[in-house]
PDB file of N, CA and C in Angstrom:
ATOM      1  N   MET A   1       0.758  -1.254   0.005  1.00  0.00           N
ATOM      2  CA  MET A   1       0.024  -0.001   0.049  1.00  0.00           C
ATOM      3  C   MET A   1       0.771   1.362   0.038  1.00  0.00           C
ATOM      4  N   GLY A   2       2.006   1.188   0.699  1.00  0.00           N
ATOM      5  CA  GLY A   2       2.907   2.358   0.777  1.00  0.00           C
ATOM      6  C   GLY A   2       3.411   2.720  -0.598  1.00  0.00           C
ATOM      7  N   GLU A   3       3.679   1.810  -1.367  1.00  0.00           N
ATOM      8  CA  GLU A   3       4.333   1.874  -2.612  1.00  0.00           C
ATOM      9  C   GLU A   3       3.149   2.582  -3.714  1.00  0.00           C
ATOM     10  N   LEU A   4       2.009   2.276  -3.515  1.00  0.00           N
ATOM     11  CA  LEU A   4       0.864   2.910  -4.279  1.00  0.00           C
ATOM     12  C   LEU A   4       0.817   4.347  -3.893  1.00  0.00           C
ATOM     13  N   VAL A   5       0.709   4.677  -2.629  1.00  0.00           N
ATOM     14  CA  VAL A   5       0.773   6.088  -2.116  1.00  0.00           C
ATOM     15  C   VAL A   5       1.874   6.783  -2.595  1.00  0.00           C
ATOM     16  N   LYS A   6       3.061   6.308  -2.643  1.00  0.00           N
ATOM     17  CA  LYS A   6       4.251   6.965  -3.054  1.00  0.00           C
ATOM     18  C   LYS A   6       4.191   7.309  -4.538  1.00  0.00           C
ATOM     19  N   VAL A   7       3.644   6.425  -5.371  1.00  0.00           N
ATOM     20  CA  VAL A   7       3.625   6.598  -6.760  1.00  0.00           C
ATOM     21  C   VAL A   7       2.610   7.765  -7.069  1.00  0.00           C
ATOM     22  N   ILE A   8       1.538   7.818  -6.401  1.00  0.00           N
ATOM     23  CA  ILE A   8       0.485   8.664  -6.552  1.00  0.00           C
ATOM     24  C   ILE A   8       0.942  10.092  -6.154  1.00  0.00           C
ATOM     25  N   ALA A   9       1.672  10.170  -5.029  1.00  0.00           N
ATOM     26  CA  ALA A   9       2.042  11.493  -4.425  1.00  0.00           C
ATOM     27  C   ALA A   9       3.203  11.976  -5.380  1.00  0.00           C
ATOM     28  N   GLN A  10       4.066  11.143  -5.874  1.00  0.00           N
ATOM     29  CA  GLN A  10       5.258  11.657  -6.638  1.00  0.00           C
ATOM     30  C   GLN A  10       4.625  12.224  -7.970  1.00  0.00           C
ATOM     31  N   ALA A  11       3.543  11.708  -8.492  1.00  0.00           N
ATOM     32  CA  ALA A  11       3.039  12.265  -9.726  1.00  0.00           C
ATOM     33  C   ALA A  11       2.314  13.693  -9.467  1.00  0.00           C
ATOM     34  N   LEU A  12       1.890  13.885  -8.271  1.00  0.00           N
ATOM     35  CA  LEU A  12       1.301  15.163  -7.961  1.00  0.00           C
ATOM     36  C   LEU A  12       2.192  16.297  -7.701  1.00  0.00           C
ATOM     37  N   VAL A  13       3.339  16.049  -6.980  1.00  0.00           N
ATOM     38  CA  VAL A  13       4.133  17.242  -6.451  1.00  0.00           C
ATOM     39  C   VAL A  13       5.240  17.701  -7.392  1.00  0.00           C
ATOM     40  N   ASP A  14       5.860  18.848  -7.059  1.00  0.00           N
ATOM     41  CA  ASP A  14       6.909  19.443  -7.898  1.00  0.00           C
ATOM     42  C   ASP A  14       8.274  18.733  -7.420  1.00  0.00           C
ATOM     43  N   ASN A  15       8.355  18.368  -6.146  1.00  0.00           N
ATOM     44  CA  ASN A  15       9.620  17.809  -5.705  1.00  0.00           C
ATOM     45  C   ASN A  15       9.422  16.209  -5.379  1.00  0.00           C
ATOM     46  N   PRO A  16       9.416  15.475  -6.347  1.00  0.00           N
ATOM     47  CA  PRO A  16       9.130  14.070  -6.173  1.00  0.00           C
ATOM     48  C   PRO A  16      10.155  13.193  -5.232  1.00  0.00           C
ATOM     49  N   GLU A  17      11.353  13.819  -5.267  1.00  0.00           N
ATOM     50  CA  GLU A  17      12.420  13.052  -4.461  1.00  0.00           C
ATOM     51  C   GLU A  17      12.194  13.427  -2.991  1.00  0.00           C
ATOM     52  N   GLU A  18      11.381  14.269  -2.542  1.00  0.00           N
ATOM     53  CA  GLU A  18      11.128  14.627  -1.181  1.00  0.00           C
ATOM     54  C   GLU A  18       9.926  13.853  -0.543  1.00  0.00           C
ATOM     55  N   VAL A  19       9.362  13.014  -1.424  1.00  0.00           N
ATOM     56  CA  VAL A  19       8.214  12.256  -0.970  1.00  0.00           C
ATOM     57  C   VAL A  19       8.699  10.991  -0.081  1.00  0.00           C
ATOM     58  N   VAL A  20       8.210  10.930   1.098  1.00  0.00           N
ATOM     59  CA  VAL A  20       8.607   9.859   1.985  1.00  0.00           C
ATOM     60  C   VAL A  20       7.400   9.185   2.579  1.00  0.00           C
ATOM     61  N   VAL A  21       7.312   7.865   2.428  1.00  0.00           N
ATOM     62  CA  VAL A  21       6.274   7.111   2.866  1.00  0.00           C
ATOM     63  C   VAL A  21       6.717   6.078   3.971  1.00  0.00           C
ATOM     64  N   ASN A  22       5.972   6.192   5.068  1.00  0.00           N
ATOM     65  CA  ASN A  22       6.301   5.198   6.183  1.00  0.00           C
ATOM     66  C   ASN A  22       5.110   4.301   6.411  1.00  0.00           C
ATOM     67  N   GLU A  23       5.225   3.084   6.491  1.00  0.00           N
ATOM     68  CA  GLU A  23       4.190   2.012   6.644  1.00  0.00           C
ATOM     69  C   GLU A  23       4.168   1.336   7.887  1.00  0.00           C
ATOM     70  N   VAL A  24       3.112   1.425   8.810  1.00  0.00           N
ATOM     71  CA  VAL A  24       3.163   0.747  10.025  1.00  0.00           C
ATOM     72  C   VAL A  24       1.998  -0.328   9.906  1.00  0.00           C
ATOM     73  N   GLU A  25       2.331  -1.535  10.106  1.00  0.00           N
ATOM     74  CA  GLU A  25       1.377  -2.604   9.833  1.00  0.00           C
ATOM     75  C   GLU A  25       0.974  -3.305  11.106  1.00  0.00           C
ATOM     76  N   GLY A  26      -0.357  -3.445  11.424  1.00  0.00           N
ATOM     77  CA  GLY A  26      -0.811  -4.136  12.594  1.00  0.00           C
ATOM     78  C   GLY A  26      -1.564  -5.413  12.111  1.00  0.00           C
ATOM     79  N   ASN A  27      -2.424  -5.875  12.966  1.00  0.00           N
ATOM     80  CA  ASN A  27      -3.039  -7.142  12.746  1.00  0.00           C
ATOM     81  C   ASN A  27      -4.079  -7.017  11.702  1.00  0.00           C
ATOM     82  N   GLN A  28      -4.907  -6.029  11.734  1.00  0.00           N
ATOM     83  CA  GLN A  28      -6.051  -5.830  10.933  1.00  0.00           C
ATOM     84  C   GLN A  28      -5.944  -4.504  10.001  1.00  0.00           C
ATOM     85  N   SER A  29      -4.981  -3.712  10.328  1.00  0.00           N
ATOM     86  CA  SER A  29      -4.960  -2.362   9.687  1.00  0.00           C
ATOM     87  C   SER A  29      -3.500  -1.968   9.372  1.00  0.00           C
ATOM     88  N   ILE A  30      -3.445  -1.144   8.407  1.00  0.00           N
ATOM     89  CA  ILE A  30      -2.154  -0.534   7.977  1.00  0.00           C
ATOM     90  C   ILE A  30      -2.197   0.841   8.052  1.00  0.00           C
ATOM     91  N   ILE A  31      -1.301   1.577   8.712  1.00  0.00           N
ATOM     92  CA  ILE A  31      -1.254   3.090   8.658  1.00  0.00           C
ATOM     93  C   ILE A  31      -0.121   3.455   7.772  1.00  0.00           C
ATOM     94  N   VAL A  32      -0.479   4.364   6.794  1.00  0.00           N
ATOM     95  CA  VAL A  32       0.545   4.779   5.785  1.00  0.00           C
ATOM     96  C   VAL A  32       0.640   6.258   6.104  1.00  0.00           C
ATOM     97  N   GLU A  33       1.869   6.682   6.313  1.00  0.00           N
ATOM     98  CA  GLU A  33       2.244   8.032   6.704  1.00  0.00           C
ATOM     99  C   GLU A  33       2.991   8.708   5.456  1.00  0.00           C
ATOM    100  N   LEU A  34       2.466   9.749   4.954  1.00  0.00           N
ATOM    101  CA  LEU A  34       2.917  10.395   3.810  1.00  0.00           C
ATOM    102  C   LEU A  34       3.535  11.737   4.273  1.00  0.00           C
ATOM    103  N   LYS A  35       4.772  11.944   3.839  1.00  0.00           N
ATOM    104  CA  LYS A  35       5.502  13.198   4.064  1.00  0.00           C
ATOM    105  C   LYS A  35       5.914  13.855   2.718  1.00  0.00           C
ATOM    106  N   VAL A  36       5.603  15.092   2.533  1.00  0.00           N
ATOM    107  CA  VAL A  36       6.045  15.780   1.331  1.00  0.00           C
ATOM    108  C   VAL A  36       6.698  17.112   1.656  1.00  0.00           C
ATOM    109  N   ALA A  37       7.233  17.853   0.778  1.00  0.00           N
ATOM    110  CA  ALA A  37       7.888  19.072   1.037  1.00  0.00           C
ATOM    111  C   ALA A  37       6.734  19.984   1.416  1.00  0.00           C
ATOM    112  N   PRO A  38       6.936  21.030   2.319  1.00  0.00           N
ATOM    113  CA  PRO A  38       5.977  21.871   2.759  1.00  0.00           C
ATOM    114  C   PRO A  38       5.351  22.718   1.603  1.00  0.00           C
ATOM    115  N   GLU A  39       6.002  23.026   0.544  1.00  0.00           N
ATOM    116  CA  GLU A  39       5.452  23.813  -0.624  1.00  0.00           C
ATOM    117  C   GLU A  39       4.485  22.987  -1.371  1.00  0.00           C
ATOM    118  N   ASP A  40       4.666  21.709  -1.246  1.00  0.00           N
ATOM    119  CA  ASP A  40       3.736  20.706  -2.088  1.00  0.00           C
ATOM    120  C   ASP A  40       2.608  20.196  -1.263  1.00  0.00           C
ATOM    121  N   MET A  41       2.496  20.637   0.060  1.00  0.00           N
ATOM    122  CA  MET A  41       1.375  20.177   0.901  1.00  0.00           C
ATOM    123  C   MET A  41       0.115  20.400   0.240  1.00  0.00           C
ATOM    124  N   GLY A  42      -0.043  21.621  -0.236  1.00  0.00           N
ATOM    125  CA  GLY A  42      -1.431  21.875  -0.900  1.00  0.00           C
ATOM    126  C   GLY A  42      -1.798  21.100  -2.183  1.00  0.00           C
ATOM    127  N   LYS A  43      -0.800  20.634  -2.856  1.00  0.00           N
ATOM    128  CA  LYS A  43      -1.039  19.873  -4.008  1.00  0.00           C
ATOM    129  C   LYS A  43      -1.513  18.465  -3.682  1.00  0.00           C
ATOM    130  N   VAL A  44      -1.049  17.933  -2.528  1.00  0.00           N
ATOM    131  CA  VAL A  44      -1.422  16.587  -2.069  1.00  0.00           C
ATOM    132  C   VAL A  44      -2.850  16.596  -1.337  1.00  0.00           C
ATOM    133  N   ILE A  45      -3.048  17.835  -0.658  1.00  0.00           N
ATOM    134  CA  ILE A  45      -4.354  17.864   0.010  1.00  0.00           C
ATOM    135  C   ILE A  45      -5.459  18.329  -1.034  1.00  0.00           C
ATOM    136  N   GLY A  46      -5.275  19.247  -1.782  1.00  0.00           N
ATOM    137  CA  GLY A  46      -6.198  19.684  -2.713  1.00  0.00           C
ATOM    138  C   GLY A  46      -7.232  20.626  -2.143  1.00  0.00           C
ATOM    139  N   LYS A  47      -8.078  21.302  -2.919  1.00  0.00           N
ATOM    140  CA  LYS A  47      -9.067  22.217  -2.480  1.00  0.00           C
ATOM    141  C   LYS A  47     -10.075  21.389  -1.657  1.00  0.00           C
ATOM    142  N   GLN A  48     -10.398  21.829  -0.457  1.00  0.00           N
ATOM    143  CA  GLN A  48     -11.339  21.240   0.529  1.00  0.00           C
ATOM    144  C   GLN A  48     -10.990  19.722   0.692  1.00  0.00           C
ATOM    145  N   GLY A  49      -9.628  19.298   0.618  1.00  0.00           N
ATOM    146  CA  GLY A  49      -9.321  18.006   0.893  1.00  0.00           C
ATOM    147  C   GLY A  49      -9.751  16.965  -0.130  1.00  0.00           C
ATOM    148  N   ARG A  50     -10.043  17.385  -1.471  1.00  0.00           N
ATOM    149  CA  ARG A  50     -10.508  16.511  -2.347  1.00  0.00           C
ATOM    150  C   ARG A  50      -9.588  15.486  -2.855  1.00  0.00           C
ATOM    151  N   ILE A  51      -8.303  15.826  -3.133  1.00  0.00           N
ATOM    152  CA  ILE A  51      -7.202  15.030  -3.579  1.00  0.00           C
ATOM    153  C   ILE A  51      -6.772  14.081  -2.558  1.00  0.00           C
ATOM    154  N   ALA A  52      -6.807  14.554  -1.323  1.00  0.00           N
ATOM    155  CA  ALA A  52      -6.394  13.647  -0.151  1.00  0.00           C
ATOM    156  C   ALA A  52      -7.413  12.446  -0.028  1.00  0.00           C
ATOM    157  N   LYS A  53      -8.802  12.818  -0.075  1.00  0.00           N
ATOM    158  CA  LYS A  53      -9.853  12.022   0.022  1.00  0.00           C
ATOM    159  C   LYS A  53      -9.961  10.965  -1.240  1.00  0.00           C
ATOM    160  N   ALA A  54      -9.431  11.403  -2.401  1.00  0.00           N
ATOM    161  CA  ALA A  54      -9.344  10.573  -3.568  1.00  0.00           C
ATOM    162  C   ALA A  54      -8.158   9.499  -3.378  1.00  0.00           C
ATOM    163  N   ILE A  55      -7.100  10.052  -2.749  1.00  0.00           N
ATOM    164  CA  ILE A  55      -5.894   9.055  -2.560  1.00  0.00           C
ATOM    165  C   ILE A  55      -6.469   7.893  -1.508  1.00  0.00           C
ATOM    166  N   ARG A  56      -7.194   8.416  -0.439  1.00  0.00           N
ATOM    167  CA  ARG A  56      -7.653   7.514   0.598  1.00  0.00           C
ATOM    168  C   ARG A  56      -8.545   6.412  -0.092  1.00  0.00           C
ATOM    169  N   THR A  57      -9.426   6.894  -0.980  1.00  0.00           N
ATOM    170  CA  THR A  57     -10.513   6.117  -1.525  1.00  0.00           C
ATOM    171  C   THR A  57      -9.660   5.032  -2.420  1.00  0.00           C
ATOM    172  N   VAL A  58      -8.762   5.443  -3.185  1.00  0.00           N
ATOM    173  CA  VAL A  58      -8.064   4.423  -4.136  1.00  0.00           C
ATOM    174  C   VAL A  58      -7.283   3.403  -3.313  1.00  0.00           C
ATOM    175  N   VAL A  59      -6.593   3.921  -2.241  1.00  0.00           N
ATOM    176  CA  VAL A  59      -5.884   3.001  -1.320  1.00  0.00           C
ATOM    177  C   VAL A  59      -6.767   2.055  -0.624  1.00  0.00           C
ATOM    178  N   LYS A  60      -7.790   2.528  -0.152  1.00  0.00           N
ATOM    179  CA  LYS A  60      -8.931   1.681   0.469  1.00  0.00           C
ATOM    180  C   LYS A  60      -9.422   0.684  -0.465  1.00  0.00           C
ATOM    181  N   ALA A  61      -9.727   0.914  -1.666  1.00  0.00           N
ATOM    182  CA  ALA A  61     -10.173   0.085  -2.600  1.00  0.00           C
ATOM    183  C   ALA A  61      -9.086  -1.070  -2.902  1.00  0.00           C
ATOM    184  N   ALA A  62      -7.763  -0.764  -2.932  1.00  0.00           N
ATOM    185  CA  ALA A  62      -6.714  -1.627  -3.205  1.00  0.00           C
ATOM    186  C   ALA A  62      -6.554  -2.650  -1.998  1.00  0.00           C
ATOM    187  N   ALA A  63      -6.905  -2.117  -0.756  1.00  0.00           N
ATOM    188  CA  ALA A  63      -6.703  -2.813   0.490  1.00  0.00           C
ATOM    189  C   ALA A  63      -7.807  -3.889   0.835  1.00  0.00           C
ATOM    190  N   THR A  64      -8.949  -3.608   0.143  1.00  0.00           N
ATOM    191  CA  THR A  64     -10.043  -4.659   0.241  1.00  0.00           C
ATOM    192  C   THR A  64      -9.837  -5.978  -0.271  1.00  0.00           C
ATOM    193  N   LYS A  65      -8.867  -6.125  -1.160  1.00  0.00           N
ATOM    194  CA  LYS A  65      -8.429  -7.447  -1.641  1.00  0.00           C
ATOM    195  C   LYS A  65      -7.626  -8.240  -0.543  1.00  0.00           C
ATOM    196  N   ASP A  66      -7.051  -7.559   0.463  1.00  0.00           N
ATOM    197  CA  ASP A  66      -6.334  -8.290   1.405  1.00  0.00           C
ATOM    198  C   ASP A  66      -7.074  -8.243   2.723  1.00  0.00           C
ATOM    199  N   ASN A  67      -8.347  -7.859   2.745  1.00  0.00           N
ATOM    200  CA  ASN A  67      -9.179  -7.743   3.892  1.00  0.00           C
ATOM    201  C   ASN A  67      -8.424  -6.889   5.097  1.00  0.00           C
ATOM    202  N   LYS A  68      -7.739  -5.915   4.564  1.00  0.00           N
ATOM    203  CA  LYS A  68      -7.097  -4.899   5.556  1.00  0.00           C
ATOM    204  C   LYS A  68      -7.817  -3.609   5.634  1.00  0.00           C
ATOM    205  N   ARG A  69      -7.551  -2.902   6.714  1.00  0.00           N
ATOM    206  CA  ARG A  69      -8.113  -1.489   6.764  1.00  0.00           C
ATOM    207  C   ARG A  69      -6.901  -0.575   6.638  1.00  0.00           C
ATOM    208  N   VAL A  70      -6.973   0.393   5.788  1.00  0.00           N
ATOM    209  CA  VAL A  70      -5.854   1.314   5.514  1.00  0.00           C
ATOM    210  C   VAL A  70      -6.266   2.702   6.018  1.00  0.00           C
ATOM    211  N   ILE A  71      -5.193   3.356   6.760  1.00  0.00           N
ATOM    212  CA  ILE A  71      -5.423   4.696   7.174  1.00  0.00           C
ATOM    213  C   ILE A  71      -4.306   5.541   6.512  1.00  0.00           C
ATOM    214  N   VAL A  72      -4.538   6.455   5.685  1.00  0.00           N
ATOM    215  CA  VAL A  72      -3.565   7.355   5.246  1.00  0.00           C
ATOM    216  C   VAL A  72      -3.473   8.701   5.838  1.00  0.00           C
ATOM    217  N   GLU A  73      -2.298   8.925   6.420  1.00  0.00           N
ATOM    218  CA  GLU A  73      -2.243  10.159   7.138  1.00  0.00           C
ATOM    219  C   GLU A  73      -1.153  11.021   6.417  1.00  0.00           C
ATOM    220  N   ILE A  74      -1.510  12.380   6.133  1.00  0.00           N
ATOM    221  CA  ILE A  74      -0.581  13.214   5.502  1.00  0.00           C
ATOM    222  C   ILE A  74       0.078  14.033   6.574  1.00  0.00           C
ATOM    223  N   ILE A  75       1.410  13.968   6.708  1.00  0.00           N
ATOM    224  CA  ILE A  75       2.110  14.662   7.707  1.00  0.00           C
ATOM    225  C   ILE A  75       2.898  15.780   7.125  1.00  0.00           C
TER     226      ILE A  75
END
């Protein structure tokens, strides 16, 4: 899941080399932490959080195959 978030985020930002994804895996859930450069934060979140919501939706759909719950946090 972390690799999927990283690919999506790198396509959105101006500084793709500064995209860092950390994945913490539990029994039933996975927490994916996304860090980007401060000037790229708006591009990842989007107006009224629409892009962030779309990223979460895509990752959640990919995680249903594994019966896992995914939480995407933008730091």
